[in-house]
Structure formats: structure tokens, C-alpha cells
Amino acid sequence: MPADFRINLAKDLTSTPEERVRFYHGMLIYQMICAVLLVLVAYLASLNLTTFLENKAQQREILATTEAVYGVSKSAFRNPEAAYNELDLYSRRIESLKRLLGRRIQLLPIVHNLFLELPEGVALQSLSADTAKLSFGLVMPSPTAENDVVKELRAGWERNEALMQRVSSIRPLTGERRMVGDQSMVYMQFECVLEK
């Protein structure tokens, strides 16, 4: 029995000329729509590419300006999280330094007011300081009945309001006679207790 394979099943299907014209016009419209969409996509892509290139150039300018003005390297912008963490660490260190500096005792105004009006013949021999007190030694002429240098010093310090606001007491600790050249001088060690 012979076999009929029917390989070309569409040989009997033929379209009319009107159907072929409609199909041809439809394909033309489809191709035109695809071409317009392709042109639109290419236009939008070129806009995005132009914007990207402009932003990249602007970013390079900003990085160069920042590096030149502030000394911040480009690596800080490559890893911003690490840069922010480093800046946060620096800001905390600065805050702790501000707190420490705020608690420190201002010795310069105290020293200035202590030795602002020393009587004639009185000279500073030694000076040391810590957080609670200031110790200093003065060399002065030997006191006489009409010229007591220690009383004059204490009276001057007590009159100095700026000094007395910063210290709680100034008192002599020791005194001894010393020969300076051919003159007999007195060396007095004082202690100045600072206000808390």
C-alpha cells in the first residue's frame, strides 16, 4: 500500500491579492513603528549618555577642586562610608579635646597677676605648677621696720580682684637668708592654692 506523506500541506492554501496587499501594508506599518521606536530609544539613550558624561565631568571637577582646596583625596569618595566613619572619629576626638581644654586651669592670667606689680628689688627665682597649686620663690631685700616687702606683696595681691577670683589663698611657706654678691637677701617660697 502506497504511503501519502503530505509534506506540503500549504500548497493548496493560496491568498487572494487583496489579502496579500493587506498583509504587506500591515508589515510596512509594523516595520515603521519598530523603526520609530528604535529611533526614540536611541535618542533617549543618547540623552542619558550625554547627561552621564556631563555628570562625570562635573564630578571630576568637584573632586579636583575638593582635593586642591581641602586636601581630601579621591579615595575618600570611592569609599564614602569609611570617610564618614573617619570624620565621625575625628569629630569625637575634637569634642573630647574641647572638653579637656575647657577643664584645664588657665595659669597665664594667674601668673600675670601674681607678678604684675612686684616691688622694687623683688625678683622671681623659681616657679612650678600642678592642677591644684602654684609654687614660686621670690628673692627680695631683707625686710626692715619701715619696708616690709612681704606685707607689701600680700596687700598688692589682695587688692588684685582678677587674681583673687582665680586663687583661694596665697601663703608663704619658707624663708631663708642668702648672700647675693655682697648683699644679704631673703628667699621666700610661696604657695598659691587655685580655685576649684
N, C-alpha and C. Protein backbone atom coordinates (compact mmCIF):
# COMPACT_ATOMS: atom_id res chain seq x y z
N MET A 1 0.84 -1.15 0.00
CA MET A 1 0.00 0.00 0.00
C MET A 1 0.90 1.24 0.00
N PRO A 2 0.62 2.16 -0.94
CA PRO A 2 1.49 3.33 -1.05
C PRO A 2 1.22 4.31 0.08
N ALA A 3 2.27 4.97 0.56
CA ALA A 3 2.15 5.94 1.68
C ALA A 3 2.03 7.34 1.11
N ASP A 4 1.13 8.11 1.68
CA ASP A 4 0.94 9.52 1.29
C ASP A 4 1.44 10.39 2.44
N PHE A 5 2.57 11.01 2.22
CA PHE A 5 3.18 11.76 3.34
C PHE A 5 2.65 13.19 3.47
N ARG A 6 2.08 13.78 2.49
CA ARG A 6 1.50 15.13 2.53
C ARG A 6 2.47 16.13 3.13
N ILE A 7 3.61 16.27 2.51
CA ILE A 7 4.66 17.14 3.02
C ILE A 7 4.29 18.61 2.86
N ASN A 8 3.82 19.05 1.74
CA ASN A 8 3.49 20.46 1.51
C ASN A 8 2.00 20.62 1.71
N LEU A 9 1.62 20.85 2.92
CA LEU A 9 0.20 20.96 3.23
C LEU A 9 -0.36 22.30 2.82
N ALA A 10 0.51 23.32 2.65
CA ALA A 10 0.03 24.67 2.33
C ALA A 10 -0.02 24.93 0.83
N LYS A 11 0.23 23.93 -0.01
CA LYS A 11 0.26 24.19 -1.44
C LYS A 11 -1.12 24.50 -1.99
N ASP A 12 -2.11 24.03 -1.28
CA ASP A 12 -3.48 24.30 -1.72
C ASP A 12 -4.00 25.60 -1.14
N LEU A 13 -3.27 26.18 -0.12
CA LEU A 13 -3.72 27.42 0.50
C LEU A 13 -3.09 28.59 -0.23
N THR A 14 -3.82 29.31 -0.92
CA THR A 14 -3.33 30.50 -1.60
C THR A 14 -4.16 31.66 -1.15
N SER A 15 -3.48 32.82 -1.00
CA SER A 15 -4.21 34.01 -0.56
C SER A 15 -4.55 34.84 -1.78
N THR A 16 -5.58 35.59 -1.62
CA THR A 16 -6.04 36.46 -2.70
C THR A 16 -5.14 37.69 -2.77
N PRO A 17 -5.09 38.41 -3.88
CA PRO A 17 -4.27 39.61 -3.96
C PRO A 17 -4.64 40.66 -2.92
N GLU A 18 -5.90 40.80 -2.59
CA GLU A 18 -6.30 41.77 -1.57
C GLU A 18 -5.72 41.40 -0.20
N GLU A 19 -5.74 40.12 0.12
CA GLU A 19 -5.17 39.67 1.40
C GLU A 19 -3.66 39.93 1.43
N ARG A 20 -2.98 39.67 0.28
CA ARG A 20 -1.55 39.90 0.23
C ARG A 20 -1.22 41.38 0.39
N VAL A 21 -2.02 42.29 -0.20
CA VAL A 21 -1.81 43.73 -0.07
C VAL A 21 -2.00 44.15 1.39
N ARG A 22 -3.05 43.65 2.03
CA ARG A 22 -3.29 43.98 3.45
C ARG A 22 -2.14 43.48 4.32
N PHE A 23 -1.68 42.26 4.06
CA PHE A 23 -0.56 41.72 4.84
C PHE A 23 0.70 42.56 4.60
N TYR A 24 0.97 42.94 3.37
CA TYR A 24 2.13 43.75 3.03
C TYR A 24 2.05 45.11 3.72
N HIS A 25 0.88 45.77 3.67
CA HIS A 25 0.71 47.07 4.34
C HIS A 25 0.87 46.93 5.86
N GLY A 26 0.34 45.88 6.42
CA GLY A 26 0.49 45.65 7.87
C GLY A 26 1.95 45.48 8.26
N MET A 27 2.69 44.71 7.41
CA MET A 27 4.12 44.54 7.71
C MET A 27 4.87 45.87 7.59
N LEU A 28 4.50 46.70 6.61
CA LEU A 28 5.14 48.02 6.47
C LEU A 28 4.87 48.89 7.70
N ILE A 29 3.62 48.92 8.15
CA ILE A 29 3.26 49.72 9.34
C ILE A 29 4.02 49.20 10.56
N TYR A 30 4.06 47.88 10.71
CA TYR A 30 4.79 47.28 11.84
C TYR A 30 6.27 47.67 11.80
N GLN A 31 6.89 47.59 10.61
CA GLN A 31 8.30 47.94 10.49
C GLN A 31 8.53 49.43 10.75
N MET A 32 7.60 50.30 10.30
CA MET A 32 7.75 51.73 10.56
C MET A 32 7.63 52.03 12.06
N ILE A 33 6.67 51.39 12.72
CA ILE A 33 6.51 51.59 14.17
C ILE A 33 7.78 51.12 14.89
N CYS A 34 8.32 49.97 14.49
CA CYS A 34 9.55 49.47 15.11
C CYS A 34 10.71 50.43 14.85
N ALA A 35 10.79 50.99 13.63
CA ALA A 35 11.87 51.93 13.32
C ALA A 35 11.74 53.20 14.15
N VAL A 36 10.49 53.73 14.28
CA VAL A 36 10.27 54.94 15.10
C VAL A 36 10.64 54.66 16.55
N LEU A 37 10.21 53.51 17.07
CA LEU A 37 10.55 53.15 18.45
C LEU A 37 12.06 52.99 18.62
N LEU A 38 12.72 52.42 17.62
CA LEU A 38 14.16 52.26 17.69
C LEU A 38 14.87 53.61 17.69
N VAL A 39 14.38 54.55 16.86
CA VAL A 39 14.95 55.90 16.84
C VAL A 39 14.71 56.59 18.18
N LEU A 40 13.50 56.44 18.75
CA LEU A 40 13.18 57.05 20.04
C LEU A 40 14.08 56.48 21.15
N VAL A 41 14.26 55.19 21.16
CA VAL A 41 15.11 54.56 22.18
C VAL A 41 16.56 55.03 22.01
N ALA A 42 17.02 55.13 20.77
CA ALA A 42 18.39 55.62 20.53
C ALA A 42 18.53 57.07 20.99
N TYR A 43 17.50 57.89 20.74
CA TYR A 43 17.53 59.29 21.17
C TYR A 43 17.58 59.39 22.70
N LEU A 44 16.71 58.64 23.38
CA LEU A 44 16.70 58.66 24.85
C LEU A 44 18.03 58.14 25.41
N ALA A 45 18.58 57.11 24.78
CA ALA A 45 19.86 56.58 25.24
C ALA A 45 20.97 57.61 25.06
N SER A 46 20.93 58.34 23.94
CA SER A 46 21.95 59.37 23.74
C SER A 46 21.80 60.50 24.75
N LEU A 47 20.53 60.85 25.10
CA LEU A 47 20.32 61.86 26.15
C LEU A 47 20.89 61.38 27.48
N ASN A 48 20.60 60.14 27.83
CA ASN A 48 21.12 59.59 29.08
C ASN A 48 22.64 59.53 29.07
N LEU A 49 23.21 59.16 27.94
CA LEU A 49 24.67 59.09 27.84
C LEU A 49 25.28 60.48 27.95
N THR A 50 24.65 61.47 27.32
CA THR A 50 25.15 62.85 27.40
C THR A 50 25.08 63.35 28.84
N THR A 51 23.95 63.10 29.52
CA THR A 51 23.80 63.51 30.92
C THR A 51 24.83 62.80 31.80
N PHE A 52 25.03 61.52 31.55
CA PHE A 52 26.02 60.76 32.33
C PHE A 52 27.41 61.34 32.14
N LEU A 53 27.78 61.65 30.89
CA LEU A 53 29.12 62.20 30.63
C LEU A 53 29.28 63.58 31.25
N GLU A 54 28.21 64.41 31.20
CA GLU A 54 28.28 65.73 31.83
C GLU A 54 28.44 65.60 33.34
N ASN A 55 27.66 64.69 33.94
CA ASN A 55 27.77 64.46 35.39
C ASN A 55 29.15 63.95 35.77
N LYS A 56 29.70 63.07 34.93
CA LYS A 56 31.03 62.53 35.22
C LYS A 56 32.08 63.64 35.16
N ALA A 57 31.97 64.53 34.15
CA ALA A 57 32.92 65.64 34.04
C ALA A 57 32.77 66.59 35.23
N GLN A 58 31.52 66.87 35.62
CA GLN A 58 31.28 67.75 36.77
C GLN A 58 31.81 67.12 38.05
N GLN A 59 31.62 65.82 38.20
CA GLN A 59 32.13 65.12 39.38
C GLN A 59 33.65 65.19 39.43
N ARG A 60 34.32 65.03 38.26
CA ARG A 60 35.77 65.14 38.23
C ARG A 60 36.23 66.53 38.64
N GLU A 61 35.51 67.57 38.18
CA GLU A 61 35.86 68.94 38.55
C GLU A 61 35.69 69.16 40.05
N ILE A 62 34.59 68.66 40.61
CA ILE A 62 34.33 68.82 42.05
C ILE A 62 35.40 68.09 42.86
N LEU A 63 35.75 66.87 42.42
CA LEU A 63 36.79 66.12 43.13
C LEU A 63 38.13 66.84 43.08
N ALA A 64 38.46 67.38 41.90
CA ALA A 64 39.74 68.09 41.78
C ALA A 64 39.75 69.34 42.64
N THR A 65 38.63 70.07 42.67
CA THR A 65 38.54 71.28 43.50
C THR A 65 38.62 70.93 44.97
N THR A 66 37.89 69.90 45.38
CA THR A 66 37.90 69.48 46.79
C THR A 66 39.29 69.03 47.21
N GLU A 67 39.94 68.27 46.34
CA GLU A 67 41.29 67.80 46.67
C GLU A 67 42.27 68.96 46.76
N ALA A 68 42.12 69.95 45.86
CA ALA A 68 43.04 71.09 45.87
C ALA A 68 42.81 72.00 47.06
N VAL A 69 41.53 72.25 47.40
CA VAL A 69 41.22 73.21 48.46
C VAL A 69 41.34 72.59 49.84
N TYR A 70 40.74 71.41 50.04
CA TYR A 70 40.67 70.82 51.38
C TYR A 70 41.67 69.69 51.60
N GLY A 71 42.31 69.21 50.56
CA GLY A 71 43.28 68.14 50.73
C GLY A 71 42.65 66.77 50.91
N VAL A 72 41.36 66.64 50.57
CA VAL A 72 40.68 65.35 50.69
C VAL A 72 41.00 64.54 49.44
N SER A 73 41.49 63.33 49.63
CA SER A 73 41.90 62.52 48.48
C SER A 73 40.69 61.89 47.80
N LYS A 74 40.90 61.41 46.58
CA LYS A 74 39.81 60.78 45.82
C LYS A 74 39.37 59.48 46.45
N SER A 75 40.24 58.84 47.21
CA SER A 75 39.87 57.57 47.84
C SER A 75 38.74 57.76 48.85
N ALA A 76 38.61 58.96 49.40
CA ALA A 76 37.51 59.22 50.33
C ALA A 76 36.17 59.15 49.62
N PHE A 77 36.16 59.49 48.34
CA PHE A 77 34.90 59.45 47.60
C PHE A 77 34.62 58.07 47.03
N ARG A 78 35.65 57.25 46.92
CA ARG A 78 35.44 55.89 46.44
C ARG A 78 34.80 55.03 47.53
N ASN A 79 35.15 55.33 48.78
CA ASN A 79 34.60 54.59 49.91
C ASN A 79 34.03 55.59 50.91
N PRO A 80 32.84 56.14 50.63
CA PRO A 80 32.32 57.21 51.49
C PRO A 80 32.00 56.76 52.91
N GLU A 81 31.63 55.50 53.09
CA GLU A 81 31.29 55.03 54.44
C GLU A 81 32.51 55.10 55.35
N ALA A 82 33.66 54.68 54.83
CA ALA A 82 34.89 54.76 55.63
C ALA A 82 35.27 56.20 55.90
N ALA A 83 35.06 57.08 54.90
CA ALA A 83 35.37 58.50 55.11
C ALA A 83 34.46 59.10 56.17
N TYR A 84 33.16 58.75 56.14
CA TYR A 84 32.24 59.26 57.17
C TYR A 84 32.61 58.74 58.55
N ASN A 85 32.99 57.47 58.63
CA ASN A 85 33.41 56.91 59.92
C ASN A 85 34.65 57.62 60.45
N GLU A 86 35.59 57.90 59.54
CA GLU A 86 36.81 58.59 59.95
C GLU A 86 36.50 60.02 60.40
N LEU A 87 35.62 60.70 59.67
CA LEU A 87 35.22 62.06 60.07
C LEU A 87 34.50 62.04 61.42
N ASP A 88 33.67 61.03 61.64
CA ASP A 88 32.97 60.92 62.91
C ASP A 88 33.96 60.70 64.05
N LEU A 89 34.97 59.87 63.82
CA LEU A 89 36.01 59.65 64.82
C LEU A 89 36.75 60.95 65.12
N TYR A 90 37.11 61.70 64.07
CA TYR A 90 37.80 62.98 64.27
C TYR A 90 36.93 63.96 65.04
N SER A 91 35.63 64.01 64.73
CA SER A 91 34.76 64.96 65.43
C SER A 91 34.63 64.58 66.91
N ARG A 92 34.58 63.27 67.21
CA ARG A 92 34.53 62.86 68.62
C ARG A 92 35.82 63.21 69.34
N ARG A 93 36.96 63.06 68.66
CA ARG A 93 38.24 63.44 69.28
C ARG A 93 38.30 64.94 69.54
N ILE A 94 37.80 65.72 68.60
CA ILE A 94 37.80 67.18 68.78
C ILE A 94 36.90 67.56 69.94
N GLU A 95 35.73 66.93 70.05
CA GLU A 95 34.83 67.21 71.17
C GLU A 95 35.48 66.87 72.50
N SER A 96 36.17 65.73 72.57
CA SER A 96 36.83 65.37 73.84
C SER A 96 37.97 66.34 74.15
N LEU A 97 38.69 66.79 73.12
CA LEU A 97 39.73 67.80 73.34
C LEU A 97 39.14 69.11 73.85
N LYS A 98 37.99 69.50 73.29
CA LYS A 98 37.33 70.73 73.75
C LYS A 98 36.93 70.60 75.22
N ARG A 99 36.40 69.42 75.59
CA ARG A 99 36.03 69.22 77.00
C ARG A 99 37.26 69.28 77.90
N LEU A 100 38.34 68.62 77.47
CA LEU A 100 39.57 68.65 78.28
C LEU A 100 40.14 70.05 78.39
N LEU A 101 40.15 70.78 77.28
CA LEU A 101 40.67 72.15 77.32
C LEU A 101 39.77 73.06 78.15
N GLY A 102 38.48 72.77 78.17
CA GLY A 102 37.56 73.56 78.99
C GLY A 102 37.78 73.35 80.48
N ARG A 103 38.28 72.15 80.85
CA ARG A 103 38.51 71.86 82.27
C ARG A 103 39.87 72.29 82.76
N ARG A 104 40.77 72.61 81.84
CA ARG A 104 42.13 72.95 82.28
C ARG A 104 42.15 74.31 82.97
N ILE A 105 43.11 74.48 83.81
CA ILE A 105 43.25 75.71 84.58
C ILE A 105 44.06 76.70 83.75
N GLN A 106 43.56 77.91 83.66
CA GLN A 106 44.26 78.95 82.92
C GLN A 106 45.32 79.56 83.84
N LEU A 107 46.57 79.12 83.66
CA LEU A 107 47.65 79.59 84.54
C LEU A 107 48.20 80.95 84.13
N LEU A 108 48.14 81.27 82.87
CA LEU A 108 48.75 82.52 82.40
C LEU A 108 48.16 83.76 83.08
N PRO A 109 46.82 83.89 83.22
CA PRO A 109 46.31 85.07 83.94
C PRO A 109 46.73 85.11 85.41
N ILE A 110 46.84 83.93 86.02
CA ILE A 110 47.25 83.89 87.44
C ILE A 110 48.70 84.33 87.57
N VAL A 111 49.58 83.79 86.72
CA VAL A 111 50.99 84.16 86.77
C VAL A 111 51.16 85.64 86.46
N HIS A 112 50.42 86.12 85.48
CA HIS A 112 50.50 87.54 85.11
C HIS A 112 50.11 88.43 86.29
N ASN A 113 49.00 88.11 86.94
CA ASN A 113 48.53 88.95 88.05
C ASN A 113 49.40 88.80 89.29
N LEU A 114 50.02 87.64 89.49
CA LEU A 114 50.91 87.47 90.64
C LEU A 114 52.13 88.37 90.55
N PHE A 115 52.69 88.47 89.36
CA PHE A 115 53.95 89.18 89.21
C PHE A 115 53.80 90.50 88.46
N LEU A 116 52.57 91.00 88.42
CA LEU A 116 52.30 92.25 87.69
C LEU A 116 52.97 93.44 88.36
N GLU A 117 52.84 93.55 89.67
CA GLU A 117 53.38 94.72 90.38
C GLU A 117 54.30 94.27 91.51
N LEU A 118 55.41 93.68 91.16
CA LEU A 118 56.39 93.31 92.19
C LEU A 118 57.11 94.57 92.67
N PRO A 119 57.30 94.69 93.98
CA PRO A 119 58.03 95.86 94.50
C PRO A 119 59.46 95.88 93.97
N GLU A 120 60.08 97.01 94.09
CA GLU A 120 61.45 97.18 93.60
C GLU A 120 62.39 96.28 94.40
N GLY A 121 63.28 95.60 93.69
CA GLY A 121 64.25 94.72 94.33
C GLY A 121 63.76 93.29 94.47
N VAL A 122 62.51 93.00 94.13
CA VAL A 122 61.97 91.64 94.24
C VAL A 122 62.07 90.99 92.86
N ALA A 123 62.57 89.73 92.85
CA ALA A 123 62.73 89.01 91.58
C ALA A 123 62.23 87.58 91.75
N LEU A 124 61.71 87.04 90.68
CA LEU A 124 61.23 85.66 90.66
C LEU A 124 62.43 84.73 90.55
N GLN A 125 62.50 83.75 91.46
CA GLN A 125 63.62 82.81 91.47
C GLN A 125 63.20 81.45 90.94
N SER A 126 61.99 80.98 91.29
CA SER A 126 61.54 79.65 90.85
C SER A 126 60.03 79.68 90.68
N LEU A 127 59.54 78.76 89.84
CA LEU A 127 58.10 78.68 89.57
C LEU A 127 57.78 77.25 89.17
N SER A 128 56.76 76.67 89.81
CA SER A 128 56.28 75.35 89.42
C SER A 128 54.77 75.32 89.63
N ALA A 129 54.10 74.47 88.86
CA ALA A 129 52.63 74.43 88.93
C ALA A 129 52.15 73.01 88.74
N ASP A 130 51.01 72.72 89.34
CA ASP A 130 50.27 71.49 89.05
C ASP A 130 48.79 71.86 88.99
N THR A 131 47.92 70.88 89.05
CA THR A 131 46.50 71.17 88.86
C THR A 131 45.86 71.87 90.04
N ALA A 132 46.45 71.78 91.21
CA ALA A 132 45.83 72.36 92.40
C ALA A 132 46.52 73.60 92.93
N LYS A 133 47.81 73.76 92.65
CA LYS A 133 48.53 74.89 93.25
C LYS A 133 49.67 75.35 92.37
N LEU A 134 50.14 76.53 92.72
CA LEU A 134 51.27 77.16 92.04
C LEU A 134 52.28 77.48 93.12
N SER A 135 53.52 77.01 92.96
CA SER A 135 54.58 77.31 93.94
C SER A 135 55.60 78.20 93.27
N PHE A 136 56.02 79.23 93.98
CA PHE A 136 57.02 80.13 93.40
C PHE A 136 57.91 80.67 94.51
N GLY A 137 59.13 80.97 94.13
CA GLY A 137 60.10 81.52 95.08
C GLY A 137 60.51 82.92 94.64
N LEU A 138 60.57 83.85 95.60
CA LEU A 138 60.96 85.23 95.32
C LEU A 138 62.21 85.58 96.11
N VAL A 139 63.09 86.31 95.47
CA VAL A 139 64.26 86.86 96.15
C VAL A 139 63.98 88.33 96.36
N MET A 140 64.17 88.79 97.62
CA MET A 140 63.83 90.17 97.95
C MET A 140 64.82 90.72 98.97
N PRO A 141 64.87 92.03 99.11
CA PRO A 141 65.74 92.60 100.14
C PRO A 141 65.23 92.22 101.53
N SER A 142 66.12 92.22 102.49
CA SER A 142 65.72 91.90 103.87
C SER A 142 64.70 92.92 104.35
N PRO A 143 63.62 92.44 104.99
CA PRO A 143 62.61 93.38 105.48
C PRO A 143 63.15 94.24 106.61
N THR A 144 62.70 95.48 106.63
CA THR A 144 63.06 96.41 107.70
C THR A 144 61.77 96.88 108.35
N ALA A 145 61.89 97.64 109.43
CA ALA A 145 60.70 98.12 110.15
C ALA A 145 59.84 99.01 109.26
N GLU A 146 60.48 99.85 108.43
CA GLU A 146 59.70 100.75 107.58
C GLU A 146 59.40 100.16 106.20
N ASN A 147 60.04 99.05 105.82
CA ASN A 147 59.83 98.49 104.49
C ASN A 147 59.72 96.97 104.60
N ASP A 148 58.49 96.47 104.85
CA ASP A 148 58.26 95.03 104.90
C ASP A 148 57.74 94.59 103.52
N VAL A 149 58.60 93.98 102.74
CA VAL A 149 58.26 93.62 101.36
C VAL A 149 57.17 92.56 101.31
N VAL A 150 57.18 91.61 102.26
CA VAL A 150 56.18 90.54 102.26
C VAL A 150 54.79 91.11 102.47
N LYS A 151 54.64 92.06 103.42
CA LYS A 151 53.34 92.70 103.65
C LYS A 151 52.90 93.48 102.42
N GLU A 152 53.84 94.14 101.78
CA GLU A 152 53.53 94.90 100.57
C GLU A 152 53.06 93.98 99.44
N LEU A 153 53.73 92.83 99.30
CA LEU A 153 53.32 91.85 98.29
C LEU A 153 51.91 91.33 98.55
N ARG A 154 51.67 90.93 99.80
CA ARG A 154 50.36 90.37 100.15
C ARG A 154 49.25 91.40 99.97
N ALA A 155 49.50 92.64 100.35
CA ALA A 155 48.50 93.69 100.17
C ALA A 155 48.20 93.90 98.69
N GLY A 156 49.24 93.89 97.85
CA GLY A 156 49.04 94.05 96.40
C GLY A 156 48.24 92.90 95.82
N TRP A 157 48.52 91.67 96.25
CA TRP A 157 47.78 90.52 95.74
C TRP A 157 46.32 90.57 96.18
N GLU A 158 46.07 90.97 97.44
CA GLU A 158 44.68 91.03 97.93
C GLU A 158 43.88 92.12 97.23
N ARG A 159 44.54 93.19 96.79
CA ARG A 159 43.84 94.25 96.06
C ARG A 159 43.51 93.84 94.61
N ASN A 160 44.22 92.88 94.10
CA ASN A 160 44.04 92.45 92.70
C ASN A 160 42.85 91.49 92.61
N GLU A 161 41.70 92.03 92.19
CA GLU A 161 40.46 91.23 92.14
C GLU A 161 40.55 90.10 91.11
N ALA A 162 41.18 90.37 89.97
CA ALA A 162 41.30 89.33 88.94
C ALA A 162 42.09 88.13 89.46
N LEU A 163 43.09 88.38 90.29
CA LEU A 163 43.88 87.30 90.87
C LEU A 163 43.08 86.56 91.93
N MET A 164 42.41 87.31 92.81
CA MET A 164 41.70 86.67 93.93
C MET A 164 40.49 85.87 93.47
N GLN A 165 39.97 86.13 92.26
CA GLN A 165 38.87 85.31 91.74
C GLN A 165 39.36 83.93 91.31
N ARG A 166 40.64 83.82 91.01
CA ARG A 166 41.18 82.56 90.49
C ARG A 166 41.93 81.74 91.54
N VAL A 167 42.28 82.34 92.67
CA VAL A 167 43.01 81.62 93.71
C VAL A 167 42.24 81.67 95.02
N SER A 168 42.41 80.64 95.84
CA SER A 168 41.74 80.65 97.14
C SER A 168 42.65 81.19 98.23
N SER A 169 43.97 80.98 98.11
CA SER A 169 44.88 81.55 99.11
C SER A 169 46.30 81.63 98.55
N ILE A 170 47.04 82.61 99.09
CA ILE A 170 48.47 82.74 98.80
C ILE A 170 49.16 82.85 100.15
N ARG A 171 50.08 81.93 100.42
CA ARG A 171 50.73 81.96 101.73
C ARG A 171 52.21 81.64 101.59
N PRO A 172 53.01 82.24 102.46
CA PRO A 172 54.45 81.93 102.44
C PRO A 172 54.69 80.58 103.11
N LEU A 173 55.60 79.81 102.56
CA LEU A 173 55.93 78.50 103.13
C LEU A 173 57.23 78.56 103.91
N THR A 174 58.28 79.00 103.27
CA THR A 174 59.59 79.04 103.92
C THR A 174 60.29 80.35 103.58
N GLY A 175 61.22 80.70 104.41
CA GLY A 175 62.04 81.88 104.15
C GLY A 175 63.44 81.64 104.67
N GLU A 176 64.42 82.09 103.94
CA GLU A 176 65.81 81.94 104.39
C GLU A 176 66.64 83.09 103.82
N ARG A 177 67.69 83.40 104.56
CA ARG A 177 68.60 84.46 104.12
C ARG A 177 69.65 83.85 103.22
N ARG A 178 69.97 84.61 102.16
CA ARG A 178 71.01 84.19 101.22
C ARG A 178 71.86 85.39 100.89
N MET A 179 73.10 85.12 100.60
CA MET A 179 74.00 86.19 100.18
C MET A 179 74.03 86.20 98.65
N VAL A 180 73.69 87.32 98.09
CA VAL A 180 73.77 87.50 96.64
C VAL A 180 74.82 88.58 96.43
N GLY A 181 75.99 88.15 95.98
CA GLY A 181 77.11 89.08 95.87
C GLY A 181 77.52 89.52 97.27
N ASP A 182 77.46 90.81 97.54
CA ASP A 182 77.80 91.32 98.88
C ASP A 182 76.55 91.75 99.64
N GLN A 183 75.37 91.44 99.10
CA GLN A 183 74.12 91.84 99.76
C GLN A 183 73.46 90.64 100.41
N SER A 184 72.82 90.89 101.54
CA SER A 184 72.04 89.86 102.22
C SER A 184 70.61 89.96 101.69
N MET A 185 70.12 88.87 101.07
CA MET A 185 68.76 88.83 100.51
C MET A 185 67.97 87.74 101.21
N VAL A 186 66.66 87.84 101.10
CA VAL A 186 65.76 86.83 101.66
C VAL A 186 65.12 86.07 100.51
N TYR A 187 65.15 84.75 100.62
CA TYR A 187 64.47 83.90 99.64
C TYR A 187 63.21 83.39 100.30
N MET A 188 62.03 83.70 99.71
CA MET A 188 60.74 83.26 100.26
C MET A 188 60.06 82.34 99.26
N GLN A 189 59.62 81.20 99.77
CA GLN A 189 58.86 80.25 98.94
C GLN A 189 57.38 80.44 99.27
N PHE A 190 56.56 80.66 98.24
CA PHE A 190 55.12 80.87 98.41
C PHE A 190 54.35 79.74 97.75
N GLU A 191 53.13 79.54 98.28
CA GLU A 191 52.21 78.58 97.68
C GLU A 191 50.91 79.30 97.38
N CYS A 192 50.45 79.15 96.15
CA CYS A 192 49.21 79.78 95.71
C CYS A 192 48.23 78.66 95.38
N VAL A 193 47.20 78.48 96.21
CA VAL A 193 46.22 77.42 96.01
C VAL A 193 45.16 77.93 95.05
N LEU A 194 44.91 77.17 93.98
CA LEU A 194 44.00 77.60 92.92
C LEU A 194 42.55 77.30 93.28
N GLU A 195 41.64 78.13 92.77
CA GLU A 195 40.21 77.90 92.97
C GLU A 195 39.80 76.67 92.18
N LYS A 196 38.92 75.91 92.74
CA LYS A 196 38.40 74.72 92.03
C LYS A 196 37.29 75.12 91.09
